[in-house]
Amino acid sequence: MKISHNTEFKLVFLQAAARALLVRDFENSEKSSIESKKSYFMLQLLTKSYKRI
């Protein structure tokens, strides 16, 4: 089963948003940057697992 174009677009958008937060938080403080990295990598894994289905 392939994911719809709309779902893929949403995942790409979420990745871009997470990346923007990662950059912003990295400039602000180390601790929040770690949380953003976790969120970003979780989104990456989610995107990869969706594409495999």
PDB file of N, CA and C in Angstrom:
ATOM      1  N   MET A   1       0.844  -1.189   0.000  1.00  0.00           N
ATOM      2  CA  MET A   1       0.000   0.000   0.000  1.00  0.00           C
ATOM      3  C   MET A   1       0.882   1.243   0.000  1.00  0.00           C
ATOM      4  N   LYS A   2       0.590   2.143  -0.902  1.00  0.00           N
ATOM      5  CA  LYS A   2       1.391   3.354  -1.014  1.00  0.00           C
ATOM      6  C   LYS A   2       0.669   4.508  -0.322  1.00  0.00           C
ATOM      7  N   ILE A   3       1.438   5.376   0.325  1.00  0.00           N
ATOM      8  CA  ILE A   3       0.790   6.506   0.995  1.00  0.00           C
ATOM      9  C   ILE A   3       0.354   7.527  -0.047  1.00  0.00           C
ATOM     10  N   SER A   4      -0.696   8.248   0.274  1.00  0.00           N
ATOM     11  CA  SER A   4      -1.211   9.245  -0.662  1.00  0.00           C
ATOM     12  C   SER A   4      -0.249  10.429  -0.747  1.00  0.00           C
ATOM     13  N   HIS A   5      -0.378  11.143  -1.841  1.00  0.00           N
ATOM     14  CA  HIS A   5       0.464  12.322  -2.057  1.00  0.00           C
ATOM     15  C   HIS A   5       0.238  13.340  -0.940  1.00  0.00           C
ATOM     16  N   ASN A   6      -1.023  13.475  -0.516  1.00  0.00           N
ATOM     17  CA  ASN A   6      -1.370  14.429   0.541  1.00  0.00           C
ATOM     18  C   ASN A   6      -0.682  14.070   1.862  1.00  0.00           C
ATOM     19  N   THR A   7      -0.697  12.792   2.214  1.00  0.00           N
ATOM     20  CA  THR A   7      -0.051  12.344   3.452  1.00  0.00           C
ATOM     21  C   THR A   7       1.454  12.564   3.384  1.00  0.00           C
ATOM     22  N   GLU A   8       2.036  12.258   2.235  1.00  0.00           N
ATOM     23  CA  GLU A   8       3.474  12.451   2.066  1.00  0.00           C
ATOM     24  C   GLU A   8       3.829  13.933   2.190  1.00  0.00           C
ATOM     25  N   PHE A   9       3.002  14.794   1.614  1.00  0.00           N
ATOM     26  CA  PHE A   9       3.224  16.235   1.709  1.00  0.00           C
ATOM     27  C   PHE A   9       3.193  16.690   3.165  1.00  0.00           C
ATOM     28  N   LYS A  10       2.229  16.173   3.927  1.00  0.00           N
ATOM     29  CA  LYS A  10       2.125  16.535   5.347  1.00  0.00           C
ATOM     30  C   LYS A  10       3.369  16.104   6.112  1.00  0.00           C
ATOM     31  N   LEU A  11       3.871  14.910   5.826  1.00  0.00           N
ATOM     32  CA  LEU A  11       5.069  14.423   6.511  1.00  0.00           C
ATOM     33  C   LEU A  11       6.283  15.273   6.161  1.00  0.00           C
ATOM     34  N   VAL A  12       6.411  15.646   4.891  1.00  0.00           N
ATOM     35  CA  VAL A  12       7.530  16.491   4.469  1.00  0.00           C
ATOM     36  C   VAL A  12       7.430  17.861   5.142  1.00  0.00           C
ATOM     37  N   PHE A  13       6.204  18.385   5.220  1.00  0.00           N
ATOM     38  CA  PHE A  13       5.989  19.672   5.883  1.00  0.00           C
ATOM     39  C   PHE A  13       6.375  19.592   7.358  1.00  0.00           C
ATOM     40  N   LEU A  14       5.971  18.499   8.029  1.00  0.00           N
ATOM     41  CA  LEU A  14       6.316  18.317   9.442  1.00  0.00           C
ATOM     42  C   LEU A  14       7.825  18.219   9.628  1.00  0.00           C
ATOM     43  N   GLN A  15       8.497  17.543   8.701  1.00  0.00           N
ATOM     44  CA  GLN A  15       9.960  17.442   8.785  1.00  0.00           C
ATOM     45  C   GLN A  15      10.600  18.822   8.659  1.00  0.00           C
ATOM     46  N   ALA A  16      10.095  19.613   7.722  1.00  0.00           N
ATOM     47  CA  ALA A  16      10.642  20.959   7.522  1.00  0.00           C
ATOM     48  C   ALA A  16      10.412  21.822   8.762  1.00  0.00           C
ATOM     49  N   ALA A  17       9.225  21.700   9.352  1.00  0.00           N
ATOM     50  CA  ALA A  17       8.918  22.462  10.568  1.00  0.00           C
ATOM     51  C   ALA A  17       9.826  22.028  11.713  1.00  0.00           C
ATOM     52  N   ALA A  18      10.032  20.728  11.850  1.00  0.00           N
ATOM     53  CA  ALA A  18      10.908  20.214  12.910  1.00  0.00           C
ATOM     54  C   ALA A  18      12.339  20.688  12.700  1.00  0.00           C
ATOM     55  N   ARG A  19      12.774  20.726  11.445  1.00  0.00           N
ATOM     56  CA  ARG A  19      14.131  21.188  11.140  1.00  0.00           C
ATOM     57  C   ARG A  19      14.279  22.670  11.502  1.00  0.00           C
ATOM     58  N   ALA A  20      13.249  23.464  11.205  1.00  0.00           N
ATOM     59  CA  ALA A  20      13.280  24.893  11.547  1.00  0.00           C
ATOM     60  C   ALA A  20      13.347  25.083  13.061  1.00  0.00           C
ATOM     61  N   LEU A  21      12.571  24.289  13.795  1.00  0.00           N
ATOM     62  CA  LEU A  21      12.613  24.362  15.261  1.00  0.00           C
ATOM     63  C   LEU A  21      13.978  23.942  15.786  1.00  0.00           C
ATOM     64  N   LEU A  22      14.550  22.934  15.166  1.00  0.00           N
ATOM     65  CA  LEU A  22      15.866  22.445  15.565  1.00  0.00           C
ATOM     66  C   LEU A  22      16.903  23.557  15.450  1.00  0.00           C
ATOM     67  N   VAL A  23      16.894  24.252  14.329  1.00  0.00           N
ATOM     68  CA  VAL A  23      17.848  25.342  14.106  1.00  0.00           C
ATOM     69  C   VAL A  23      17.617  26.470  15.110  1.00  0.00           C
ATOM     70  N   ARG A  24      16.348  26.846  15.306  1.00  0.00           N
ATOM     71  CA  ARG A  24      16.026  27.928  16.243  1.00  0.00           C
ATOM     72  C   ARG A  24      16.460  27.573  17.663  1.00  0.00           C
ATOM     73  N   ASP A  25      16.135  26.351  18.081  1.00  0.00           N
ATOM     74  CA  ASP A  25      16.471  25.934  19.438  1.00  0.00           C
ATOM     75  C   ASP A  25      17.972  25.793  19.632  1.00  0.00           C
ATOM     76  N   PHE A  26      18.672  25.375  18.593  1.00  0.00           N
ATOM     77  CA  PHE A  26      20.120  25.240  18.692  1.00  0.00           C
ATOM     78  C   PHE A  26      20.748  26.603  18.964  1.00  0.00           C
ATOM     79  N   GLU A  27      20.182  27.642  18.350  1.00  0.00           N
ATOM     80  CA  GLU A  27      20.690  28.997  18.583  1.00  0.00           C
ATOM     81  C   GLU A  27      20.363  29.473  20.000  1.00  0.00           C
ATOM     82  N   ASN A  28      19.241  28.995  20.547  1.00  0.00           N
ATOM     83  CA  ASN A  28      18.799  29.464  21.868  1.00  0.00           C
ATOM     84  C   ASN A  28      19.463  28.727  23.025  1.00  0.00           C
ATOM     85  N   SER A  29      19.356  27.403  23.023  1.00  0.00           N
ATOM     86  CA  SER A  29      19.937  26.659  24.139  1.00  0.00           C
ATOM     87  C   SER A  29      20.189  25.207  23.767  1.00  0.00           C
ATOM     88  N   GLU A  30      21.097  24.601  24.485  1.00  0.00           N
ATOM     89  CA  GLU A  30      21.494  23.214  24.228  1.00  0.00           C
ATOM     90  C   GLU A  30      20.388  22.226  24.587  1.00  0.00           C
ATOM     91  N   LYS A  31      19.716  22.444  25.716  1.00  0.00           N
ATOM     92  CA  LYS A  31      18.736  21.475  26.203  1.00  0.00           C
ATOM     93  C   LYS A  31      17.538  21.338  25.268  1.00  0.00           C
ATOM     94  N   SER A  32      16.961  22.452  24.841  1.00  0.00           N
ATOM     95  CA  SER A  32      15.804  22.371  23.960  1.00  0.00           C
ATOM     96  C   SER A  32      16.210  21.822  22.593  1.00  0.00           C
ATOM     97  N   SER A  33      17.464  22.026  22.232  1.00  0.00           N
ATOM     98  CA  SER A  33      17.964  21.485  20.973  1.00  0.00           C
ATOM     99  C   SER A  33      17.910  19.959  20.983  1.00  0.00           C
ATOM    100  N   ILE A  34      18.233  19.364  22.115  1.00  0.00           N
ATOM    101  CA  ILE A  34      18.202  17.905  22.240  1.00  0.00           C
ATOM    102  C   ILE A  34      16.776  17.395  22.047  1.00  0.00           C
ATOM    103  N   GLU A  35      15.803  18.083  22.643  1.00  0.00           N
ATOM    104  CA  GLU A  35      14.398  17.698  22.475  1.00  0.00           C
ATOM    105  C   GLU A  35      13.969  17.827  21.015  1.00  0.00           C
ATOM    106  N   SER A  36      14.395  18.891  20.353  1.00  0.00           N
ATOM    107  CA  SER A  36      14.048  19.093  18.948  1.00  0.00           C
ATOM    108  C   SER A  36      14.670  18.019  18.069  1.00  0.00           C
ATOM    109  N   LYS A  37      15.912  17.636  18.383  1.00  0.00           N
ATOM    110  CA  LYS A  37      16.567  16.573  17.615  1.00  0.00           C
ATOM    111  C   LYS A  37      15.788  15.280  17.736  1.00  0.00           C
ATOM    112  N   LYS A  38      15.337  14.965  18.948  1.00  0.00           N
ATOM    113  CA  LYS A  38      14.546  13.747  19.154  1.00  0.00           C
ATOM    114  C   LYS A  38      13.285  13.785  18.301  1.00  0.00           C
ATOM    115  N   SER A  39      12.589  14.916  18.331  1.00  0.00           N
ATOM    116  CA  SER A  39      11.352  15.060  17.551  1.00  0.00           C
ATOM    117  C   SER A  39      11.641  14.928  16.061  1.00  0.00           C
ATOM    118  N   TYR A  40      12.708  15.568  15.612  1.00  0.00           N
ATOM    119  CA  TYR A  40      13.058  15.537  14.191  1.00  0.00           C
ATOM    120  C   TYR A  40      13.390  14.118  13.736  1.00  0.00           C
ATOM    121  N   PHE A  41      14.184  13.406  14.511  1.00  0.00           N
ATOM    122  CA  PHE A  41      14.555  12.051  14.118  1.00  0.00           C
ATOM    123  C   PHE A  41      13.372  11.092  14.195  1.00  0.00           C
ATOM    124  N   MET A  42      12.465  11.316  15.153  1.00  0.00           N
ATOM    125  CA  MET A  42      11.256  10.497  15.211  1.00  0.00           C
ATOM    126  C   MET A  42      10.403  10.721  13.967  1.00  0.00           C
ATOM    127  N   LEU A  43      10.314  11.976  13.524  1.00  0.00           N
ATOM    128  CA  LEU A  43       9.568  12.271  12.297  1.00  0.00           C
ATOM    129  C   LEU A  43      10.230  11.629  11.083  1.00  0.00           C
ATOM    130  N   GLN A  44      11.559  11.632  11.052  1.00  0.00           N
ATOM    131  CA  GLN A  44      12.266  10.986   9.943  1.00  0.00           C
ATOM    132  C   GLN A  44      11.967   9.496   9.911  1.00  0.00           C
ATOM    133  N   LEU A  45      12.008   8.846  11.064  1.00  0.00           N
ATOM    134  CA  LEU A  45      11.708   7.416  11.131  1.00  0.00           C
ATOM    135  C   LEU A  45      10.276   7.139  10.707  1.00  0.00           C
ATOM    136  N   LEU A  46       9.362   7.992  11.143  1.00  0.00           N
ATOM    137  CA  LEU A  46       7.954   7.849  10.775  1.00  0.00           C
ATOM    138  C   LEU A  46       7.786   7.958   9.264  1.00  0.00           C
ATOM    139  N   THR A  47       8.449   8.935   8.664  1.00  0.00           N
ATOM    140  CA  THR A  47       8.370   9.125   7.218  1.00  0.00           C
ATOM    141  C   THR A  47       8.916   7.905   6.484  1.00  0.00           C
ATOM    142  N   LYS A  48      10.055   7.395   6.931  1.00  0.00           N
ATOM    143  CA  LYS A  48      10.653   6.222   6.283  1.00  0.00           C
ATOM    144  C   LYS A  48       9.763   4.997   6.420  1.00  0.00           C
ATOM    145  N   SER A  49       9.165   4.809   7.593  1.00  0.00           N
ATOM    146  CA  SER A  49       8.315   3.637   7.791  1.00  0.00           C
ATOM    147  C   SER A  49       7.037   3.756   6.960  1.00  0.00           C
ATOM    148  N   TYR A  50       6.511   4.966   6.801  1.00  0.00           N
ATOM    149  CA  TYR A  50       5.329   5.160   5.955  1.00  0.00           C
ATOM    150  C   TYR A  50       5.648   4.829   4.505  1.00  0.00           C
ATOM    151  N   LYS A  51       6.819   5.237   4.050  1.00  0.00           N
ATOM    152  CA  LYS A  51       7.188   5.003   2.651  1.00  0.00           C
ATOM    153  C   LYS A  51       7.396   3.525   2.362  1.00  0.00           C
ATOM    154  N   ARG A  52       7.727   2.748   3.378  1.00  0.00           N
ATOM    155  CA  ARG A  52       7.936   1.310   3.194  1.00  0.00           C
ATOM    156  C   ARG A  52       6.621   0.556   3.028  1.00  0.00           C
ATOM    157  N   ILE A  53       5.555   1.094   3.600  1.00  0.00           N
ATOM    158  CA  ILE A  53       4.256   0.398   3.579  1.00  0.00           C
ATOM    159  C   ILE A  53       3.698   0.361   2.162  1.00  0.00           C
TER     160      ILE A  53
END
